[in-house]
PDB file of N, CA and C in Angstrom:
ATOM      1  N   UNK A   1       0.854  -1.174   0.000  1.00  0.00           N
ATOM      2  CA  UNK A   1       0.000   0.000   0.000  1.00  0.00           C
ATOM      3  C   UNK A   1       0.903   1.241   0.000  1.00  0.00           C
ATOM      4  N   UNK A   2       0.542   2.187  -0.822  1.00  0.00           N
ATOM      5  CA  UNK A   2       1.274   3.444  -0.848  1.00  0.00           C
ATOM      6  C   UNK A   2       0.622   4.434   0.122  1.00  0.00           C
ATOM      7  N   UNK A   3       1.292   5.534   0.351  1.00  0.00           N
ATOM      8  CA  UNK A   3       0.721   6.570   1.211  1.00  0.00           C
ATOM      9  C   UNK A   3      -0.586   7.110   0.603  1.00  0.00           C
ATOM     10  N   UNK A   4      -0.598   7.310  -0.707  1.00  0.00           N
ATOM     11  CA  UNK A   4      -1.820   7.794  -1.359  1.00  0.00           C
ATOM     12  C   UNK A   4      -2.963   6.799  -1.191  1.00  0.00           C
ATOM     13  N   UNK A   5      -2.683   5.515  -1.357  1.00  0.00           N
ATOM     14  CA  UNK A   5      -3.715   4.485  -1.168  1.00  0.00           C
ATOM     15  C   UNK A   5      -4.190   4.464   0.282  1.00  0.00           C
ATOM     16  N   UNK A   6      -3.270   4.621   1.213  1.00  0.00           N
ATOM     17  CA  UNK A   6      -3.601   4.702   2.635  1.00  0.00           C
ATOM     18  C   UNK A   6      -4.557   5.871   2.884  1.00  0.00           C
ATOM     19  N   UNK A   7      -4.215   7.035   2.326  1.00  0.00           N
ATOM     20  CA  UNK A   7      -5.062   8.220   2.519  1.00  0.00           C
ATOM     21  C   UNK A   7      -6.449   8.023   1.915  1.00  0.00           C
ATOM     22  N   UNK A   8      -6.522   7.422   0.758  1.00  0.00           N
ATOM     23  CA  UNK A   8      -7.828   7.164   0.131  1.00  0.00           C
ATOM     24  C   UNK A   8      -8.640   6.203   0.986  1.00  0.00           C
ATOM     25  N   UNK A   9      -8.000   5.133   1.462  1.00  0.00           N
ATOM     26  CA  UNK A   9      -8.712   4.150   2.279  1.00  0.00           C
ATOM     27  C   UNK A   9      -9.223   4.775   3.577  1.00  0.00           C
ATOM     28  N   UNK A  10      -8.342   5.473   4.294  1.00  0.00           N
ATOM     29  CA  UNK A  10      -8.742   6.091   5.563  1.00  0.00           C
ATOM     30  C   UNK A  10      -9.823   7.150   5.340  1.00  0.00           C
ATOM     31  N   UNK A  11      -9.723   7.891   4.252  1.00  0.00           N
ATOM     32  CA  UNK A  11     -10.710   8.920   3.950  1.00  0.00           C
ATOM     33  C   UNK A  11     -12.084   8.369   3.652  1.00  0.00           C
ATOM     34  N   UNK A  12     -12.155   7.108   3.261  1.00  0.00           N
ATOM     35  CA  UNK A  12     -13.438   6.473   2.964  1.00  0.00           C
ATOM     36  C   UNK A  12     -14.131   5.939   4.224  1.00  0.00           C
ATOM     37  N   UNK A  13     -13.403   5.869   5.330  1.00  0.00           N
ATOM     38  CA  UNK A  13     -14.013   5.416   6.583  1.00  0.00           C
ATOM     39  C   UNK A  13     -14.900   6.534   7.130  1.00  0.00           C
ATOM     40  N   UNK A  14     -15.953   6.198   7.873  1.00  0.00           N
ATOM     41  CA  UNK A  14     -16.906   7.215   8.326  1.00  0.00           C
ATOM     42  C   UNK A  14     -16.317   8.248   9.296  1.00  0.00           C
ATOM     43  N   UNK A  15     -16.683   9.503   9.060  1.00  0.00           N
ATOM     44  CA  UNK A  15     -16.406  10.619   9.986  1.00  0.00           C
ATOM     45  C   UNK A  15     -14.929  10.833  10.275  1.00  0.00           C
ATOM     46  N   UNK A  16     -14.080  10.632   9.276  1.00  0.00           N
ATOM     47  CA  UNK A  16     -12.644  10.803   9.494  1.00  0.00           C
ATOM     48  C   UNK A  16     -12.187  12.217   9.126  1.00  0.00           C
ATOM     49  N   UNK A  17     -11.097  12.619   9.746  1.00  0.00           N
ATOM     50  CA  UNK A  17     -10.424  13.863   9.383  1.00  0.00           C
ATOM     51  C   UNK A  17      -8.953  13.560   9.193  1.00  0.00           C
ATOM     52  N   UNK A  18      -8.302  14.402   8.429  1.00  0.00           N
ATOM     53  CA  UNK A  18      -6.908  14.178   8.068  1.00  0.00           C
ATOM     54  C   UNK A  18      -6.088  15.422   8.352  1.00  0.00           C
ATOM     55  N   UNK A  19      -4.883  15.212   8.840  1.00  0.00           N
ATOM     56  CA  UNK A  19      -3.944  16.313   9.058  1.00  0.00           C
ATOM     57  C   UNK A  19      -2.539  15.785   8.772  1.00  0.00           C
ATOM     58  N   UNK A  20      -1.690  16.659   8.269  1.00  0.00           N
ATOM     59  CA  UNK A  20      -0.276  16.316   8.083  1.00  0.00           C
ATOM     60  C   UNK A  20       0.485  17.008   9.204  1.00  0.00           C
ATOM     61  N   UNK A  21       1.184  16.231  10.005  1.00  0.00           N
ATOM     62  CA  UNK A  21       1.927  16.780  11.149  1.00  0.00           C
ATOM     63  C   UNK A  21       3.124  15.903  11.441  1.00  0.00           C
ATOM     64  N   UNK A  22       3.886  16.268  12.455  1.00  0.00           N
ATOM     65  CA  UNK A  22       5.046  15.491  12.888  1.00  0.00           C
ATOM     66  C   UNK A  22       6.020  15.231  11.735  1.00  0.00           C
ATOM     67  N   UNK A  23       6.403  16.259  11.035  1.00  0.00           N
ATOM     68  CA  UNK A  23       7.384  16.087   9.973  1.00  0.00           C
ATOM     69  C   UNK A  23       6.842  15.361   8.761  1.00  0.00           C
ATOM     70  N   UNK A  24       5.656  15.719   8.340  1.00  0.00           N
ATOM     71  CA  UNK A  24       5.039  15.201   7.116  1.00  0.00           C
ATOM     72  C   UNK A  24       4.390  13.827   7.270  1.00  0.00           C
ATOM     73  N   UNK A  25       3.962  13.467   8.467  1.00  0.00           N
ATOM     74  CA  UNK A  25       3.212  12.225   8.662  1.00  0.00           C
ATOM     75  C   UNK A  25       1.752  12.473   8.300  1.00  0.00           C
ATOM     76  N   UNK A  26       1.138  11.493   7.674  1.00  0.00           N
ATOM     77  CA  UNK A  26      -0.277  11.540   7.329  1.00  0.00           C
ATOM     78  C   UNK A  26      -1.052  10.947   8.505  1.00  0.00           C
ATOM     79  N   UNK A  27      -1.776  11.793   9.227  1.00  0.00           N
ATOM     80  CA  UNK A  27      -2.437  11.399  10.474  1.00  0.00           C
ATOM     81  C   UNK A  27      -3.952  11.407  10.272  1.00  0.00           C
ATOM     82  N   UNK A  28      -4.588  10.281  10.572  1.00  0.00           N
ATOM     83  CA  UNK A  28      -6.041  10.137  10.406  1.00  0.00           C
ATOM     84  C   UNK A  28      -6.714  10.019  11.765  1.00  0.00           C
ATOM     85  N   UNK A  29      -7.830  10.747  11.899  1.00  0.00           N
ATOM     86  CA  UNK A  29      -8.542  10.822  13.173  1.00  0.00           C
ATOM     87  C   UNK A  29     -10.031  10.574  12.975  1.00  0.00           C
ATOM     88  N   UNK A  30     -10.661  10.155  14.044  1.00  0.00           N
ATOM     89  CA  UNK A  30     -12.114  10.095  14.121  1.00  0.00           C
ATOM     90  C   UNK A  30     -12.486  10.747  15.448  1.00  0.00           C
ATOM     91  N   UNK A  31     -13.367  11.734  15.391  1.00  0.00           N
ATOM     92  CA  UNK A  31     -13.731  12.454  16.605  1.00  0.00           C
ATOM     93  C   UNK A  31     -12.554  13.159  17.246  1.00  0.00           C
ATOM     94  N   UNK A  32     -11.567  13.547  16.448  1.00  0.00           N
ATOM     95  CA  UNK A  32     -10.392  14.237  16.972  1.00  0.00           C
ATOM     96  C   UNK A  32      -9.346  13.325  17.590  1.00  0.00           C
ATOM     97  N   UNK A  33      -9.564  12.018  17.553  1.00  0.00           N
ATOM     98  CA  UNK A  33      -8.624  11.058  18.137  1.00  0.00           C
ATOM     99  C   UNK A  33      -7.978  10.223  17.030  1.00  0.00           C
ATOM    100  N   UNK A  34      -6.677  10.059  17.113  1.00  0.00           N
ATOM    101  CA  UNK A  34      -5.911   9.371  16.071  1.00  0.00           C
ATOM    102  C   UNK A  34      -6.185   7.865  16.074  1.00  0.00           C
ATOM    103  N   UNK A  35      -6.372   7.310  14.856  1.00  0.00           N
ATOM    104  CA  UNK A  35      -6.506   5.858  14.732  1.00  0.00           C
ATOM    105  C   UNK A  35      -5.446   5.248  13.800  1.00  0.00           C
ATOM    106  N   UNK A  36      -4.836   6.050  12.927  1.00  0.00           N
ATOM    107  CA  UNK A  36      -3.817   5.517  12.016  1.00  0.00           C
ATOM    108  C   UNK A  36      -2.890   6.635  11.547  1.00  0.00           C
ATOM    109  N   UNK A  37      -1.631   6.258  11.293  1.00  0.00           N
ATOM    110  CA  UNK A  37      -0.611   7.211  10.853  1.00  0.00           C
ATOM    111  C   UNK A  37       0.245   6.543   9.780  1.00  0.00           C
ATOM    112  N   UNK A  38       0.583   7.316   8.762  1.00  0.00           N
ATOM    113  CA  UNK A  38       1.553   6.870   7.765  1.00  0.00           C
ATOM    114  C   UNK A  38       2.710   7.851   7.791  1.00  0.00           C
ATOM    115  N   UNK A  39       3.903   7.330   8.002  1.00  0.00           N
ATOM    116  CA  UNK A  39       5.076   8.198   8.052  1.00  0.00           C
ATOM    117  C   UNK A  39       6.174   7.626   7.168  1.00  0.00           C
ATOM    118  N   UNK A  40       6.999   8.510   6.669  1.00  0.00           N
ATOM    119  CA  UNK A  40       8.206   8.101   5.950  1.00  0.00           C
ATOM    120  C   UNK A  40       9.217   9.218   6.142  1.00  0.00           C
ATOM    121  N   UNK A  41      10.355   8.864   6.667  1.00  0.00           N
ATOM    122  CA  UNK A  41      11.379   9.863   6.991  1.00  0.00           C
ATOM    123  C   UNK A  41      12.555   9.697   6.057  1.00  0.00           C
ATOM    124  N   UNK A  42      12.973  10.786   5.481  1.00  0.00           N
ATOM    125  CA  UNK A  42      14.153  10.780   4.635  1.00  0.00           C
ATOM    126  C   UNK A  42      13.852  10.448   3.181  1.00  0.00           C
ATOM    127  N   UNK A  43      14.756  10.842   2.341  1.00  0.00           N
ATOM    128  CA  UNK A  43      14.596  10.630   0.904  1.00  0.00           C
ATOM    129  C   UNK A  43      14.605   9.141   0.575  1.00  0.00           C
ATOM    130  N   UNK A  44      13.633   8.707  -0.210  1.00  0.00           N
ATOM    131  CA  UNK A  44      13.553   7.321  -0.638  1.00  0.00           C
ATOM    132  C   UNK A  44      13.035   6.362   0.414  1.00  0.00           C
ATOM    133  N   UNK A  45      12.641   6.870   1.566  1.00  0.00           N
ATOM    134  CA  UNK A  45      12.133   5.997   2.629  1.00  0.00           C
ATOM    135  C   UNK A  45      10.760   5.452   2.247  1.00  0.00           C
ATOM    136  N   UNK A  46      10.497   4.218   2.624  1.00  0.00           N
ATOM    137  CA  UNK A  46       9.184   3.639   2.343  1.00  0.00           C
ATOM    138  C   UNK A  46       8.198   4.027   3.446  1.00  0.00           C
ATOM    139  N   UNK A  47       6.941   3.914   3.134  1.00  0.00           N
ATOM    140  CA  UNK A  47       5.886   4.269   4.093  1.00  0.00           C
ATOM    141  C   UNK A  47       5.857   3.267   5.243  1.00  0.00           C
ATOM    142  N   UNK A  48       5.702   3.804   6.444  1.00  0.00           N
ATOM    143  CA  UNK A  48       5.524   2.982   7.643  1.00  0.00           C
ATOM    144  C   UNK A  48       4.138   3.286   8.173  1.00  0.00           C
ATOM    145  N   UNK A  49       3.333   2.248   8.355  1.00  0.00           N
ATOM    146  CA  UNK A  49       1.962   2.415   8.806  1.00  0.00           C
ATOM    147  C   UNK A  49       1.850   2.039  10.276  1.00  0.00           C
ATOM    148  N   UNK A  50       1.223   2.904  11.054  1.00  0.00           N
ATOM    149  CA  UNK A  50       0.991   2.651  12.472  1.00  0.00           C
ATOM    150  C   UNK A  50      -0.503   2.725  12.728  1.00  0.00           C
ATOM    151  N   UNK A  51      -0.985   1.857  13.628  1.00  0.00           N
ATOM    152  CA  UNK A  51      -2.412   1.845  13.910  1.00  0.00           C
ATOM    153  C   UNK A  51      -2.679   1.274  15.298  1.00  0.00           C
ATOM    154  N   UNK A  52      -3.783   1.703  15.870  1.00  0.00           N
ATOM    155  CA  UNK A  52      -4.260   1.203  17.159  1.00  0.00           C
ATOM    156  C   UNK A  52      -4.796  -0.202  16.945  1.00  0.00           C
ATOM    157  N   UNK A  53      -4.614  -1.067  17.928  1.00  0.00           N
ATOM    158  CA  UNK A  53      -5.199  -2.401  17.807  1.00  0.00           C
ATOM    159  C   UNK A  53      -5.633  -2.925  19.178  1.00  0.00           C
ATOM    160  N   UNK A  54      -6.353  -4.016  19.136  1.00  0.00           N
ATOM    161  CA  UNK A  54      -6.812  -4.648  20.378  1.00  0.00           C
ATOM    162  C   UNK A  54      -5.619  -5.259  21.101  1.00  0.00           C
ATOM    163  N   UNK A  55      -5.817  -5.590  22.366  1.00  0.00           N
ATOM    164  CA  UNK A  55      -4.744  -6.215  23.139  1.00  0.00           C
ATOM    165  C   UNK A  55      -4.265  -7.513  22.487  1.00  0.00           C
ATOM    166  N   UNK A  56      -5.220  -8.339  22.029  1.00  0.00           N
ATOM    167  CA  UNK A  56      -4.873  -9.613  21.408  1.00  0.00           C
ATOM    168  C   UNK A  56      -4.115  -9.398  20.094  1.00  0.00           C
ATOM    169  N   UNK A  57      -4.617  -8.499  19.257  1.00  0.00           N
ATOM    170  CA  UNK A  57      -3.939  -8.211  17.987  1.00  0.00           C
ATOM    171  C   UNK A  57      -2.539  -7.672  18.232  1.00  0.00           C
ATOM    172  N   UNK A  58      -2.400  -6.816  19.223  1.00  0.00           N
ATOM    173  CA  UNK A  58      -1.083  -6.254  19.564  1.00  0.00           C
ATOM    174  C   UNK A  58      -0.117  -7.377  19.926  1.00  0.00           C
ATOM    175  N   UNK A  59      -0.561  -8.287  20.766  1.00  0.00           N
ATOM    176  CA  UNK A  59       0.291  -9.396  21.200  1.00  0.00           C
ATOM    177  C   UNK A  59       0.705 -10.270  20.012  1.00  0.00           C
ATOM    178  N   UNK A  60      -0.209 -10.526  19.112  1.00  0.00           N
ATOM    179  CA  UNK A  60       0.084 -11.368  17.954  1.00  0.00           C
ATOM    180  C   UNK A  60       0.943 -10.642  16.914  1.00  0.00           C
ATOM    181  N   UNK A  61       0.576  -9.412  16.590  1.00  0.00           N
ATOM    182  CA  UNK A  61       1.259  -8.685  15.529  1.00  0.00           C
ATOM    183  C   UNK A  61       2.706  -8.356  15.876  1.00  0.00           C
ATOM    184  N   UNK A  62       2.961  -8.024  17.128  1.00  0.00           N
ATOM    185  CA  UNK A  62       4.332  -7.645  17.496  1.00  0.00           C
ATOM    186  C   UNK A  62       5.279  -8.848  17.516  1.00  0.00           C
ATOM    187  N   UNK A  63       4.761 -10.043  17.330  1.00  0.00           N
ATOM    188  CA  UNK A  63       5.592 -11.241  17.220  1.00  0.00           C
ATOM    189  C   UNK A  63       5.959 -11.544  15.772  1.00  0.00           C
ATOM    190  N   UNK A  64       5.352 -10.821  14.826  1.00  0.00           N
ATOM    191  CA  UNK A  64       5.590 -11.074  13.402  1.00  0.00           C
ATOM    192  C   UNK A  64       6.745 -10.232  12.881  1.00  0.00           C
ATOM    193  N   UNK A  65       7.464 -10.795  11.940  1.00  0.00           N
ATOM    194  CA  UNK A  65       8.575 -10.101  11.306  1.00  0.00           C
ATOM    195  C   UNK A  65       8.052  -8.876  10.552  1.00  0.00           C
ATOM    196  N   UNK A  66       8.703  -7.747  10.745  1.00  0.00           N
ATOM    197  CA  UNK A  66       8.327  -6.523  10.043  1.00  0.00           C
ATOM    198  C   UNK A  66       7.306  -5.674  10.769  1.00  0.00           C
ATOM    199  N   UNK A  67       6.824  -6.151  11.908  1.00  0.00           N
ATOM    200  CA  UNK A  67       5.860  -5.407  12.735  1.00  0.00           C
ATOM    201  C   UNK A  67       6.461  -5.217  14.123  1.00  0.00           C
ATOM    202  N   UNK A  68       6.379  -3.990  14.631  1.00  0.00           N
ATOM    203  CA  UNK A  68       6.975  -3.677  15.936  1.00  0.00           C
ATOM    204  C   UNK A  68       6.006  -2.819  16.750  1.00  0.00           C
ATOM    205  N   UNK A  69       6.204  -2.759  18.059  1.00  0.00           N
ATOM    206  CA  UNK A  69       5.444  -1.789  18.841  1.00  0.00           C
ATOM    207  C   UNK A  69       5.735  -0.385  18.289  1.00  0.00           C
ATOM    208  N   UNK A  70       4.708   0.386  18.071  1.00  0.00           N
ATOM    209  CA  UNK A  70       4.880   1.711  17.469  1.00  0.00           C
ATOM    210  C   UNK A  70       5.619   2.646  18.420  1.00  0.00           C
ATOM    211  N   UNK A  71       6.646   3.333  17.911  1.00  0.00           N
ATOM    212  CA  UNK A  71       7.367   4.289  18.754  1.00  0.00           C
ATOM    213  C   UNK A  71       6.415   5.318  19.357  1.00  0.00           C
ATOM    214  N   UNK A  72       6.586   5.591  20.625  1.00  0.00           N
ATOM    215  CA  UNK A  72       5.816   6.572  21.397  1.00  0.00           C
ATOM    216  C   UNK A  72       4.374   6.142  21.676  1.00  0.00           C
ATOM    217  N   UNK A  73       3.878   5.125  21.004  1.00  0.00           N
ATOM    218  CA  UNK A  73       2.464   4.744  21.156  1.00  0.00           C
ATOM    219  C   UNK A  73       2.280   3.296  21.599  1.00  0.00           C
ATOM    220  N   UNK A  74       3.343   2.576  21.814  1.00  0.00           N
ATOM    221  CA  UNK A  74       3.254   1.158  22.151  1.00  0.00           C
ATOM    222  C   UNK A  74       2.459   0.913  23.435  1.00  0.00           C
ATOM    223  N   UNK A  75       2.621   1.791  24.411  1.00  0.00           N
ATOM    224  CA  UNK A  75       1.903   1.582  25.682  1.00  0.00           C
ATOM    225  C   UNK A  75       0.393   1.635  25.503  1.00  0.00           C
ATOM    226  N   UNK A  76      -0.060   2.266  24.407  1.00  0.00           N
ATOM    227  CA  UNK A  76      -1.495   2.347  24.104  1.00  0.00           C
ATOM    228  C   UNK A  76      -1.906   1.281  23.090  1.00  0.00           C
ATOM    229  N   UNK A  77      -1.046   0.274  22.900  1.00  0.00           N
ATOM    230  CA  UNK A  77      -1.309  -0.859  22.006  1.00  0.00           C
ATOM    231  C   UNK A  77      -1.401  -0.437  20.538  1.00  0.00           C
ATOM    232  N   UNK A  78      -0.375   0.256  20.095  1.00  0.00           N
ATOM    233  CA  UNK A  78      -0.230   0.618  18.691  1.00  0.00           C
ATOM    234  C   UNK A  78       0.889  -0.217  18.095  1.00  0.00           C
ATOM    235  N   UNK A  79       0.715  -0.600  16.828  1.00  0.00           N
ATOM    236  CA  UNK A  79       1.701  -1.387  16.085  1.00  0.00           C
ATOM    237  C   UNK A  79       2.174  -0.563  14.894  1.00  0.00           C
ATOM    238  N   UNK A  80       3.436  -0.740  14.525  1.00  0.00           N
ATOM    239  CA  UNK A  80       3.950  -0.103  13.316  1.00  0.00           C
ATOM    240  C   UNK A  80       4.446  -1.176  12.358  1.00  0.00           C
ATOM    241  N   UNK A  81       4.002  -1.075  11.110  1.00  0.00           N
ATOM    242  CA  UNK A  81       4.483  -1.962  10.059  1.00  0.00           C
ATOM    243  C   UNK A  81       5.725  -1.305   9.464  1.00  0.00           C
ATOM    244  N   UNK A  82       6.887  -1.813   9.834  1.00  0.00           N
ATOM    245  CA  UNK A  82       8.157  -1.215   9.431  1.00  0.00           C
ATOM    246  C   UNK A  82       8.615  -1.645   8.044  1.00  0.00           C
ATOM    247  N   UNK A  83       8.240  -2.828   7.653  1.00  0.00           N
ATOM    248  CA  UNK A  83       8.706  -3.372   6.375  1.00  0.00           C
ATOM    249  C   UNK A  83       7.543  -3.502   5.415  1.00  0.00           C
ATOM    250  N   UNK A  84       7.716  -2.955   4.234  1.00  0.00           N
ATOM    251  CA  UNK A  84       6.684  -3.045   3.205  1.00  0.00           C
ATOM    252  C   UNK A  84       6.331  -4.508   2.964  1.00  0.00           C
ATOM    253  N   UNK A  85       5.046  -4.818   2.944  1.00  0.00           N
ATOM    254  CA  UNK A  85       4.601  -6.180   2.691  1.00  0.00           C
ATOM    255  C   UNK A  85       4.586  -7.076   3.913  1.00  0.00           C
ATOM    256  N   UNK A  86       4.884  -6.547   5.093  1.00  0.00           N
ATOM    257  CA  UNK A  86       4.868  -7.372   6.304  1.00  0.00           C
ATOM    258  C   UNK A  86       3.470  -7.930   6.569  1.00  0.00           C
ATOM    259  N   UNK A  87       2.474  -7.197   6.128  1.00  0.00           N
ATOM    260  CA  UNK A  87       1.083  -7.672   6.165  1.00  0.00           C
ATOM    261  C   UNK A  87       0.531  -7.589   4.745  1.00  0.00           C
ATOM    262  N   UNK A  88      -0.271  -8.570   4.329  1.00  0.00           N
ATOM    263  CA  UNK A  88      -0.952  -8.423   3.045  1.00  0.00           C
ATOM    264  C   UNK A  88      -1.839  -7.168   3.089  1.00  0.00           C
ATOM    265  N   UNK A  89      -2.012  -6.519   1.959  1.00  0.00           N
ATOM    266  CA  UNK A  89      -2.758  -5.264   1.918  1.00  0.00           C
ATOM    267  C   UNK A  89      -4.162  -5.399   2.506  1.00  0.00           C
ATOM    268  N   UNK A  90      -4.838  -6.493   2.205  1.00  0.00           N
ATOM    269  CA  UNK A  90      -6.201  -6.675   2.740  1.00  0.00           C
ATOM    270  C   UNK A  90      -6.187  -6.779   4.262  1.00  0.00           C
ATOM    271  N   UNK A  91      -5.179  -7.434   4.819  1.00  0.00           N
ATOM    272  CA  UNK A  91      -5.059  -7.523   6.272  1.00  0.00           C
ATOM    273  C   UNK A  91      -4.771  -6.148   6.873  1.00  0.00           C
ATOM    274  N   UNK A  92      -3.876  -5.401   6.235  1.00  0.00           N
ATOM    275  CA  UNK A  92      -3.566  -4.058   6.713  1.00  0.00           C
ATOM    276  C   UNK A  92      -4.822  -3.199   6.723  1.00  0.00           C
ATOM    277  N   UNK A  93      -5.603  -3.262   5.665  1.00  0.00           N
ATOM    278  CA  UNK A  93      -6.857  -2.502   5.599  1.00  0.00           C
ATOM    279  C   UNK A  93      -7.816  -2.932   6.705  1.00  0.00           C
ATOM    280  N   UNK A  94      -7.891  -4.227   6.947  1.00  0.00           N
ATOM    281  CA  UNK A  94      -8.790  -4.726   8.004  1.00  0.00           C
ATOM    282  C   UNK A  94      -8.345  -4.214   9.374  1.00  0.00           C
ATOM    283  N   UNK A  95      -7.033  -4.197   9.634  1.00  0.00           N
ATOM    284  CA  UNK A  95      -6.541  -3.678  10.917  1.00  0.00           C
ATOM    285  C   UNK A  95      -6.777  -2.174  11.042  1.00  0.00           C
ATOM    286  N   UNK A  96      -6.632  -1.441   9.959  1.00  0.00           N
ATOM    287  CA  UNK A  96      -6.893   0.004   9.998  1.00  0.00           C
ATOM    288  C   UNK A  96      -8.379   0.258  10.243  1.00  0.00           C
ATOM    289  N   UNK A  97      -9.243  -0.501   9.585  1.00  0.00           N
ATOM    290  CA  UNK A  97     -10.689  -0.358   9.816  1.00  0.00           C
ATOM    291  C   UNK A  97     -11.037  -0.707  11.263  1.00  0.00           C
ATOM    292  N   UNK A  98     -10.387  -1.733  11.802  1.00  0.00           N
ATOM    293  CA  UNK A  98     -10.618  -2.111  13.202  1.00  0.00           C
ATOM    294  C   UNK A  98     -10.124  -1.003  14.135  1.00  0.00           C
ATOM    295  N   UNK A  99      -8.996  -0.367  13.793  1.00  0.00           N
ATOM    296  CA  UNK A  99      -8.472   0.743  14.595  1.00  0.00           C
ATOM    297  C   UNK A  99      -9.488   1.884  14.628  1.00  0.00           C
ATOM    298  N   UNK A 100     -10.061   2.179  13.484  1.00  0.00           N
ATOM    299  CA  UNK A 100     -11.095   3.219  13.399  1.00  0.00           C
ATOM    300  C   UNK A 100     -12.261   2.875  14.331  1.00  0.00           C
ATOM    301  N   UNK A 101     -12.688   1.627  14.292  1.00  0.00           N
ATOM    302  CA  UNK A 101     -13.813   1.173  15.124  1.00  0.00           C
ATOM    303  C   UNK A 101     -13.468   1.251  16.619  1.00  0.00           C
ATOM    304  N   UNK A 102     -12.249   0.862  16.976  1.00  0.00           N
ATOM    305  CA  UNK A 102     -11.818   0.916  18.384  1.00  0.00           C
ATOM    306  C   UNK A 102     -11.860   2.356  18.887  1.00  0.00           C
ATOM    307  N   UNK A 103     -11.264   3.271  18.124  1.00  0.00           N
ATOM    308  CA  UNK A 103     -11.212   4.671  18.550  1.00  0.00           C
ATOM    309  C   UNK A 103     -12.603   5.291  18.541  1.00  0.00           C
ATOM    310  N   UNK A 104     -13.399   5.026  17.522  1.00  0.00           N
ATOM    311  CA  UNK A 104     -14.771   5.551  17.484  1.00  0.00           C
ATOM    312  C   UNK A 104     -15.577   5.049  18.676  1.00  0.00           C
ATOM    313  N   UNK A 105     -15.329   3.812  19.080  1.00  0.00           N
ATOM    314  CA  UNK A 105     -16.038   3.232  20.223  1.00  0.00           C
ATOM    315  C   UNK A 105     -15.683   3.881  21.548  1.00  0.00           C
ATOM    316  N   UNK A 106     -14.565   4.593  21.594  1.00  0.00           N
ATOM    317  CA  UNK A 106     -14.160   5.284  22.825  1.00  0.00           C
ATOM    318  C   UNK A 106     -14.749   6.694  22.922  1.00  0.00           C
ATOM    319  N   UNK A 107     -15.370   7.148  21.848  1.00  0.00           N
ATOM    320  CA  UNK A 107     -16.002   8.468  21.876  1.00  0.00           C
ATOM    321  C   UNK A 107     -17.280   8.402  22.697  1.00  0.00           C
ATOM    322  N   UNK A 108     -17.737   9.542  23.170  1.00  0.00           N
ATOM    323  CA  UNK A 108     -18.991   9.565  23.926  1.00  0.00           C
ATOM    324  C   UNK A 108     -20.151   9.265  22.977  1.00  0.00           C
ATOM    325  N   UNK A 109     -21.267   8.865  23.543  1.00  0.00           N
ATOM    326  CA  UNK A 109     -22.456   8.603  22.729  1.00  0.00           C
ATOM    327  C   UNK A 109     -22.848   9.844  21.942  1.00  0.00           C
ATOM    328  N   UNK A 110     -22.748  10.994  22.574  1.00  0.00           N
ATOM    329  CA  UNK A 110     -23.099  12.247  21.899  1.00  0.00           C
ATOM    330  C   UNK A 110     -22.168  12.503  20.721  1.00  0.00           C
ATOM    331  N   UNK A 111     -20.865  12.302  20.931  1.00  0.00           N
ATOM    332  CA  UNK A 111     -19.907  12.501  19.841  1.00  0.00           C
ATOM    333  C   UNK A 111     -20.208  11.551  18.677  1.00  0.00           C
ATOM    334  N   UNK A 112     -20.462  10.283  18.998  1.00  0.00           N
ATOM    335  CA  UNK A 112     -20.762   9.309  17.944  1.00  0.00           C
ATOM    336  C   UNK A 112     -22.028   9.706  17.197  1.00  0.00           C
ATOM    337  N   UNK A 113     -23.033  10.145  17.930  1.00  0.00           N
ATOM    338  CA  UNK A 113     -24.296  10.565  17.301  1.00  0.00           C
ATOM    339  C   UNK A 113     -24.040  11.786  16.404  1.00  0.00           C
ATOM    340  N   UNK A 114     -23.321  12.763  16.910  1.00  0.00           N
ATOM    341  CA  UNK A 114     -23.029  13.974  16.150  1.00  0.00           C
ATOM    342  C   UNK A 114     -22.239  13.671  14.880  1.00  0.00           C
ATOM    343  N   UNK A 115     -21.396  12.649  14.914  1.00  0.00           N
ATOM    344  CA  UNK A 115     -20.583  12.259  13.759  1.00  0.00           C
ATOM    345  C   UNK A 115     -21.309  11.302  12.817  1.00  0.00           C
ATOM    346  N   UNK A 116     -22.518  10.882  13.203  1.00  0.00           N
ATOM    347  CA  UNK A 116     -23.269   9.947  12.379  1.00  0.00           C
ATOM    348  C   UNK A 116     -22.785   8.519  12.486  1.00  0.00           C
ATOM    349  N   UNK A 117     -22.117   8.209  13.569  1.00  0.00           N
ATOM    350  CA  UNK A 117     -21.634   6.849  13.817  1.00  0.00           C
ATOM    351  C   UNK A 117     -22.667   6.102  14.655  1.00  0.00           C
ATOM    352  N   UNK A 118     -22.676   4.800  14.526  1.00  0.00           N
ATOM    353  CA  UNK A 118     -23.609   3.969  15.300  1.00  0.00           C
ATOM    354  C   UNK A 118     -23.394   4.205  16.793  1.00  0.00           C
ATOM    355  N   UNK A 119     -24.473   4.322  17.511  1.00  0.00           N
ATOM    356  CA  UNK A 119     -24.384   4.590  18.953  1.00  0.00           C
ATOM    357  C   UNK A 119     -24.594   3.312  19.732  1.00  0.00           C
TER     358      UNK A 119
END
């Protein structure tokens, strides 16, 4: 998945917003809370995808080659895909969609209602 494909996919999820911050990272939020980030540092660097996940997914994913606890976010159960292709694209999309659902589920009922998300 490229950064552009990542942005298109995240933008298609309900009630998302996008901002570029932290040195050109593509940061996706729902209700003002981050659920996924795409970063690439330096010339020719490949995209690194980070996302929130469940406790079980975190435990499983961080045991796989090419996936590590996300810098600065590991304590909140975030994973970073450091190596391109470490996850098949469909799996990566499923984890990003799950991250969106996890973060949206932490919003208040009023916030979810205001955003048009299931309450």
